[in-house]
Amino acid sequence: MNWYLESGKDSDIVISSRVRLARNLKDFKFKRKMSKKEKEELLEKIKFVSPSIGYELKFLYLKDIDEITRMSLVEKHIISPEMALDKENDGAILINDDENICIMINEEDHIRIQVFTSGLDLQNTLNLAIELDKKLDEMLTFSFNEKYGYLTACPTNVGTGLRASVMVHLPALKMTGNLSKILKIATNFGMTIRGAYGEETKAIGDIYQISNNQTLGMSEKEIVQNLENITKKIIEQERLARKYLAKNTDDLEDKVYRSYGILTNARKLTSDECDRLLSDIKLGTDLGIISELNDKKVKELCLYTNPANLQKRVGKVLDVNQRDKERTKVIKQIINR
């Protein structure tokens, strides 16, 4: 089973953990300054060493991946929207079958090592990312400065080049009106709060991405430990908010089951409306209000109702109206299975 359909530690609130390491090769300019020929040379250099990395990684050129498959990877948070929509198609990925490892090549930096896991598990995720980094470092020469650390295309990544993040579901904090206060505290502790798809994206279905701000002057373990500590505080506050809401059981059950009723009986559903309904339904399932569903089915609903993964599941290209109709059929298939 792929990692994004599994349950992990605290996965009632923490959907996933990710560790990303940005690296650049010493003998090449930063991507924005590279010619087409230099970009191709970089790809071939990394492709040549890729079999020695291990982990059964497959090298895939971006130009050989169709648009829907690319967007399905974005929806799984495995590649960035910028990479998927890059018209130059001059990138590639190294990815394994479980999709918990994906190395983006020629995104903003030459190499972006990414490791993912379900729930809150930043330490093990970091350990695997460091293993991959060491293997690549043995075969390639990274741009490194004794004073500043790893050199990156964006100054905010200089130092460790590490961006650790968690994806959290915070519906109760929003319902109780405490969300902005909690997120502001996280920001004051050096964290960046974004929507589900990263920079300049809105929160979808009460899902937020929390990541470290600082990459310079701290070790990888310190950065990850800080994020984990903040995340645990947020988990604690979300659980307190859920307890508060559960005191008025009738109102909460009514809200959750109204959403469940629309989701299971609608003949057409837009992607945005579906995300809002699924937020209530995930909360209801996690609190044991909805007994008809389990965590795995909720994860499947969240994944396969997204536009690209919906089309991948049904095996055909659909326009917006067709997707809105097909979405309700897929929902029924998953729930009634």
Protein backbone atom coordinates (compact mmCIF):
# COMPACT_ATOMS: atom_id res chain seq x y z
CA MET A 1 0.00 0.00 0.00
CA ASN A 2 1.25 3.52 -0.81
CA TRP A 3 2.20 5.64 2.19
CA TYR A 4 -0.58 8.21 1.65
CA LEU A 5 -3.27 5.53 2.15
CA GLU A 6 -1.74 4.29 5.41
CA SER A 7 -2.38 5.50 8.95
CA GLY A 8 0.50 6.79 11.06
CA LYS A 9 1.12 8.29 14.48
CA ASP A 10 -1.44 11.00 15.33
CA SER A 11 -2.89 10.68 11.81
CA ASP A 12 -6.30 11.83 13.06
CA ILE A 13 -4.68 15.31 12.93
CA VAL A 14 -1.31 14.96 11.17
CA ILE A 15 -1.96 13.73 7.64
CA SER A 16 1.68 13.48 6.60
CA SER A 17 5.30 14.39 7.34
CA ARG A 18 7.83 15.40 4.70
CA VAL A 19 11.54 16.15 4.73
CA ARG A 20 13.13 17.85 1.72
CA LEU A 21 16.83 18.55 1.14
CA ALA A 22 17.86 21.05 -1.55
CA ARG A 23 21.19 20.37 -3.24
CA ASN A 24 23.07 21.79 -6.22
CA LEU A 25 26.03 20.40 -8.16
CA LYS A 26 29.27 22.35 -7.87
CA ASP A 27 30.19 22.19 -11.56
CA PHE A 28 26.85 23.56 -12.82
CA LYS A 29 25.23 27.02 -12.64
CA PHE A 30 21.94 27.39 -10.78
CA LYS A 31 19.02 26.21 -12.90
CA ARG A 32 17.80 29.69 -13.87
CA LYS A 33 21.20 30.46 -15.43
CA MET A 34 21.62 27.12 -17.23
CA SER A 35 21.28 26.62 -20.98
CA LYS A 36 19.08 23.86 -22.40
CA LYS A 37 22.21 21.83 -23.16
CA GLU A 38 23.52 22.23 -19.59
CA LYS A 39 20.18 21.10 -18.16
CA GLU A 40 20.30 17.99 -20.34
CA GLU A 41 23.88 17.30 -19.22
CA LEU A 42 22.81 17.56 -15.58
CA LEU A 43 19.94 15.11 -16.13
CA GLU A 44 22.24 12.60 -17.82
CA LYS A 45 24.84 12.90 -15.04
CA ILE A 46 22.25 12.13 -12.37
CA LYS A 47 20.60 9.41 -14.45
CA PHE A 48 24.00 7.70 -14.82
CA VAL A 49 24.53 7.46 -11.04
CA SER A 50 20.88 6.72 -10.15
CA PRO A 51 21.14 2.88 -10.22
CA SER A 52 23.80 3.12 -7.48
CA ILE A 53 21.48 4.99 -5.09
CA GLY A 54 19.35 1.90 -4.39
CA TYR A 55 15.79 1.94 -3.02
CA GLU A 56 14.52 0.70 -6.44
CA LEU A 57 14.22 4.27 -7.73
CA LYS A 58 13.02 4.77 -11.29
CA PHE A 59 14.33 7.67 -13.38
CA LEU A 60 11.48 9.38 -15.26
CA TYR A 61 11.85 12.36 -17.59
CA LEU A 62 9.15 14.96 -17.01
CA LYS A 63 8.49 15.18 -20.75
CA ASP A 64 7.52 11.47 -20.73
CA ILE A 65 4.90 11.90 -17.98
CA ASP A 66 1.44 12.92 -19.22
CA GLU A 67 -0.26 15.98 -17.75
CA ILE A 68 -2.89 14.09 -15.71
CA THR A 69 -0.25 11.83 -14.13
CA ARG A 70 1.83 14.89 -13.26
CA MET A 71 -1.13 16.58 -11.62
CA SER A 72 -1.98 13.36 -9.78
CA LEU A 73 1.50 13.53 -8.23
CA VAL A 74 0.86 17.16 -7.23
CA GLU A 75 -2.40 16.13 -5.55
CA LYS A 76 -0.44 13.52 -3.58
CA HIS A 77 2.03 16.33 -2.67
CA ILE A 78 4.87 14.31 -4.27
CA ILE A 79 5.97 16.93 -6.81
CA SER A 80 5.48 20.69 -6.75
CA PRO A 81 2.84 22.45 -8.87
CA GLU A 82 5.69 24.51 -10.39
CA MET A 83 7.41 21.36 -11.62
CA ALA A 84 4.21 19.83 -12.98
CA LEU A 85 3.29 22.99 -14.90
CA ASP A 86 6.79 23.78 -16.19
CA LYS A 87 6.34 24.27 -19.94
CA GLU A 88 10.04 23.68 -20.64
CA ASN A 89 9.75 20.03 -19.50
CA ASP A 90 13.44 20.02 -18.63
CA GLY A 91 13.18 18.13 -15.35
CA ALA A 92 13.01 14.54 -14.15
CA ILE A 93 12.14 12.58 -11.03
CA LEU A 94 13.59 9.57 -9.25
CA ILE A 95 10.71 7.76 -7.57
CA ASN A 96 10.05 4.36 -5.97
CA ASP A 97 6.89 2.23 -6.22
CA ASP A 98 5.69 3.17 -2.72
CA GLU A 99 6.13 6.84 -3.68
CA ASN A 100 7.53 7.67 -0.23
CA ILE A 101 10.77 8.75 -1.96
CA CYS A 102 10.75 11.27 -4.79
CA ILE A 103 13.85 13.18 -5.87
CA MET A 104 13.00 16.15 -8.09
CA ILE A 105 15.72 17.04 -10.59
CA ASN A 106 15.88 20.49 -12.23
CA GLU A 107 13.06 21.97 -10.19
CA GLU A 108 14.21 25.21 -8.50
CA ASP A 109 17.44 23.48 -7.40
CA HIS A 110 19.37 20.78 -9.27
CA ILE A 111 18.28 18.14 -6.76
CA ARG A 112 15.51 18.11 -4.19
CA ILE A 113 15.53 14.93 -2.10
CA GLN A 114 12.07 14.27 -0.65
CA VAL A 115 10.90 11.62 1.80
CA PHE A 116 7.28 11.26 2.93
CA THR A 117 5.41 9.32 5.59
CA SER A 118 1.88 9.15 6.95
CA GLY A 119 1.23 10.77 10.34
CA LEU A 120 3.85 12.43 12.55
CA ASP A 121 7.21 10.75 12.00
CA LEU A 122 9.74 13.46 11.23
CA GLN A 123 12.75 11.75 12.83
CA ASN A 124 12.63 8.56 10.73
CA THR A 125 11.77 10.61 7.65
CA LEU A 126 14.85 12.77 8.24
CA ASN A 127 17.06 9.69 8.76
CA LEU A 128 16.05 8.27 5.37
CA ALA A 129 16.56 11.65 3.65
CA ILE A 130 20.07 11.88 5.16
CA GLU A 131 20.86 8.33 3.94
CA LEU A 132 19.86 9.31 0.40
CA ASP A 133 21.83 12.55 0.68
CA LYS A 134 24.99 10.66 1.73
CA LYS A 135 24.65 8.22 -1.17
CA LEU A 136 24.31 11.06 -3.68
CA ASP A 137 27.15 12.99 -2.04
CA GLU A 138 29.47 10.01 -2.63
CA MET A 139 28.80 10.16 -6.38
CA LEU A 140 28.23 13.88 -7.02
CA THR A 141 29.97 17.03 -5.75
CA PHE A 142 27.52 19.43 -4.08
CA SER A 143 27.91 23.23 -3.86
CA PHE A 144 29.01 23.78 -0.27
CA ASN A 145 30.53 26.72 1.58
CA GLU A 146 32.34 26.25 4.90
CA LYS A 147 30.72 29.37 6.35
CA TYR A 148 27.20 29.19 4.90
CA GLY A 149 26.64 25.48 4.28
CA TYR A 150 24.82 24.13 1.21
CA LEU A 151 24.28 26.78 -1.48
CA THR A 152 20.80 26.95 -2.96
CA ALA A 153 18.94 28.85 -5.68
CA CYS A 154 16.75 30.58 -3.08
CA PRO A 155 18.62 32.29 -0.18
CA THR A 156 15.99 31.09 2.33
CA ASN A 157 17.20 27.49 1.85
CA VAL A 158 20.93 28.19 2.30
CA GLY A 159 22.57 26.30 5.16
CA THR A 160 21.17 22.84 5.72
CA GLY A 161 18.95 23.11 2.63
CA LEU A 162 16.33 21.40 4.79
CA ARG A 163 12.62 22.07 4.61
CA ALA A 164 10.67 19.84 7.00
CA SER A 165 6.89 20.04 6.97
CA VAL A 166 3.73 18.48 8.32
CA MET A 167 0.27 18.53 6.81
CA VAL A 168 -2.33 19.02 9.56
CA HIS A 169 -6.14 18.85 9.65
CA LEU A 170 -7.51 21.51 12.03
CA PRO A 171 -11.32 21.71 11.67
CA ALA A 172 -12.12 22.00 15.39
CA LEU A 173 -9.77 24.96 15.92
CA LYS A 174 -11.51 26.69 13.02
CA MET A 175 -15.01 25.88 14.34
CA THR A 176 -14.15 27.23 17.80
CA GLY A 177 -12.58 30.41 16.38
CA ASN A 178 -9.10 29.65 17.76
CA LEU A 179 -7.31 28.77 14.54
CA SER A 180 -5.74 32.15 13.70
CA LYS A 181 -4.43 32.51 17.27
CA ILE A 182 -2.75 29.06 17.21
CA LEU A 183 -1.27 29.56 13.75
CA LYS A 184 0.06 32.99 14.78
CA ILE A 185 1.86 31.40 17.75
CA ALA A 186 3.44 28.82 15.38
CA THR A 187 4.60 31.67 13.12
CA ASN A 188 6.14 33.47 16.13
CA PHE A 189 8.15 30.31 16.81
CA GLY A 190 9.75 30.46 13.35
CA MET A 191 7.29 28.34 11.39
CA THR A 192 5.73 29.06 7.99
CA ILE A 193 2.02 28.30 7.56
CA ARG A 194 0.75 27.63 4.05
CA GLY A 195 -2.13 26.01 2.23
CA ALA A 196 -2.12 22.32 1.29
CA TYR A 197 -0.09 22.84 -1.90
CA GLY A 198 2.61 25.10 -0.44
CA GLU A 199 3.52 28.69 -1.19
CA GLU A 200 0.70 31.06 -2.20
CA THR A 201 -2.00 28.37 -1.95
CA LYS A 202 -5.13 28.50 0.18
CA ALA A 203 -6.11 26.02 2.87
CA ILE A 204 -8.35 23.33 1.39
CA GLY A 205 -10.62 21.30 3.65
CA ASP A 206 -9.07 22.83 6.82
CA ILE A 207 -5.66 21.38 5.89
CA TYR A 208 -2.53 23.44 6.53
CA GLN A 209 1.16 22.88 5.81
CA ILE A 210 3.50 23.89 8.63
CA SER A 211 7.23 24.05 7.90
CA ASN A 212 10.47 25.48 9.29
CA ASN A 213 11.53 29.01 8.37
CA GLN A 214 15.19 28.79 9.37
CA THR A 215 17.71 26.65 7.51
CA LEU A 216 20.92 28.46 8.51
CA GLY A 217 22.67 28.27 11.89
CA MET A 218 20.86 25.14 13.07
CA SER A 219 21.46 21.43 12.54
CA GLU A 220 18.99 19.22 10.66
CA LYS A 221 18.02 17.48 13.91
CA GLU A 222 17.38 20.79 15.70
CA ILE A 223 15.14 22.01 12.86
CA VAL A 224 13.11 18.80 12.85
CA GLN A 225 12.88 18.73 16.67
CA ASN A 226 11.56 22.31 16.71
CA LEU A 227 8.89 21.48 14.13
CA GLU A 228 7.92 18.33 16.02
CA ASN A 229 7.56 20.27 19.29
CA ILE A 230 5.35 22.91 17.66
CA THR A 231 3.28 20.21 15.91
CA LYS A 232 2.68 18.40 19.22
CA LYS A 233 1.39 21.66 20.75
CA ILE A 234 -0.95 22.15 17.78
CA ILE A 235 -2.19 18.54 18.10
CA GLU A 236 -2.88 19.19 21.79
CA GLN A 237 -4.88 22.37 21.01
CA GLU A 238 -6.87 20.69 18.20
CA ARG A 239 -7.76 17.79 20.52
CA LEU A 240 -8.90 20.23 23.23
CA ALA A 241 -11.08 22.00 20.65
CA ARG A 242 -12.54 18.65 19.59
CA LYS A 243 -13.36 17.80 23.20
CA TYR A 244 -15.09 21.16 23.58
CA LEU A 245 -17.18 20.57 20.44
CA ALA A 246 -18.05 17.03 21.58
CA LYS A 247 -19.73 18.47 24.71
CA ASN A 248 -22.54 19.62 22.45
CA THR A 249 -22.90 16.23 20.76
CA ASP A 250 -26.18 16.94 18.98
CA ASP A 251 -24.84 19.97 17.09
CA LEU A 252 -21.60 18.22 16.12
CA GLU A 253 -23.36 15.02 15.02
CA ASP A 254 -25.86 17.07 13.02
CA LYS A 255 -23.09 18.97 11.21
CA VAL A 256 -21.10 15.82 10.47
CA TYR A 257 -24.06 13.75 9.28
CA ARG A 258 -25.44 16.58 7.14
CA SER A 259 -22.10 16.56 5.29
CA TYR A 260 -22.19 12.75 5.10
CA GLY A 261 -25.73 12.88 3.71
CA ILE A 262 -24.77 15.32 0.94
CA LEU A 263 -21.61 13.39 0.10
CA THR A 264 -23.43 10.06 -0.23
CA ASN A 265 -26.56 11.29 -2.00
CA ALA A 266 -25.46 14.13 -4.27
CA ARG A 267 -25.47 13.52 -8.04
CA LYS A 268 -22.89 16.24 -8.73
CA LEU A 269 -20.10 17.59 -6.53
CA THR A 270 -17.41 20.14 -7.30
CA SER A 271 -13.90 19.52 -6.02
CA ASP A 272 -14.08 22.45 -3.55
CA GLU A 273 -17.45 21.39 -2.12
CA CYS A 274 -16.22 17.83 -1.79
CA ASP A 275 -13.13 19.00 0.15
CA ARG A 276 -15.34 20.94 2.59
CA LEU A 277 -17.62 17.95 3.15
CA LEU A 278 -14.70 15.56 3.57
CA SER A 279 -13.21 17.79 6.27
CA ASP A 280 -16.39 17.32 8.37
CA ILE A 281 -16.49 13.61 7.56
CA LYS A 282 -12.86 13.02 8.52
CA LEU A 283 -13.53 14.79 11.83
CA GLY A 284 -16.67 12.69 12.37
CA THR A 285 -14.82 9.44 11.57
CA ASP A 286 -11.84 10.32 13.79
CA LEU A 287 -14.18 11.08 16.71
CA GLY A 288 -16.16 7.86 16.21
CA ILE A 289 -19.37 9.70 15.26
CA ILE A 290 -19.49 8.17 11.78
CA SER A 291 -19.27 4.40 12.15
CA GLU A 292 -19.88 3.72 8.45
CA LEU A 293 -16.34 4.74 7.49
CA ASN A 294 -12.79 3.99 8.59
CA ASP A 295 -9.52 5.92 8.24
CA LYS A 296 -8.45 4.10 5.06
CA LYS A 297 -11.72 4.84 3.27
CA VAL A 298 -11.52 8.51 4.27
CA LYS A 299 -7.98 8.67 2.86
CA GLU A 300 -9.19 7.06 -0.39
CA LEU A 301 -12.08 9.53 -0.61
CA CYS A 302 -9.71 12.47 -0.07
CA LEU A 303 -7.34 11.19 -2.78
CA TYR A 304 -9.65 9.88 -5.51
CA THR A 305 -12.06 12.83 -5.50
CA ASN A 306 -9.23 15.16 -6.58
CA PRO A 307 -9.49 16.00 -10.31
CA ALA A 308 -6.39 14.21 -11.64
CA ASN A 309 -6.56 11.14 -9.38
CA LEU A 310 -10.27 10.84 -10.16
CA GLN A 311 -9.44 10.66 -13.88
CA LYS A 312 -6.60 8.20 -13.21
CA ARG A 313 -9.02 5.97 -11.27
CA VAL A 314 -11.73 5.93 -13.96
CA GLY A 315 -9.14 5.67 -16.74
CA LYS A 316 -10.33 8.50 -18.98
CA VAL A 317 -10.01 12.24 -19.51
CA LEU A 318 -13.04 14.17 -18.24
CA ASP A 319 -14.15 17.78 -18.49
CA VAL A 320 -15.18 19.68 -15.33
CA ASN A 321 -18.89 18.79 -15.58
CA GLN A 322 -18.12 15.10 -16.19
CA ARG A 323 -15.74 15.08 -13.21
CA ASP A 324 -18.42 16.56 -10.94
CA LYS A 325 -20.78 13.71 -11.90
CA GLU A 326 -18.14 10.95 -11.83
CA ARG A 327 -16.92 12.13 -8.41
CA THR A 328 -20.21 11.10 -6.79
CA LYS A 329 -20.01 7.62 -8.38
CA VAL A 330 -16.46 7.08 -7.09
CA ILE A 331 -17.56 8.21 -3.61
CA LYS A 332 -20.32 5.58 -3.58
CA GLN A 333 -17.93 2.88 -4.84
CA ILE A 334 -15.45 3.56 -2.02
CA ILE A 335 -18.06 3.85 0.74
CA ASN A 336 -20.05 0.77 -0.30
CA ARG A 337 -17.06 -1.47 -0.96
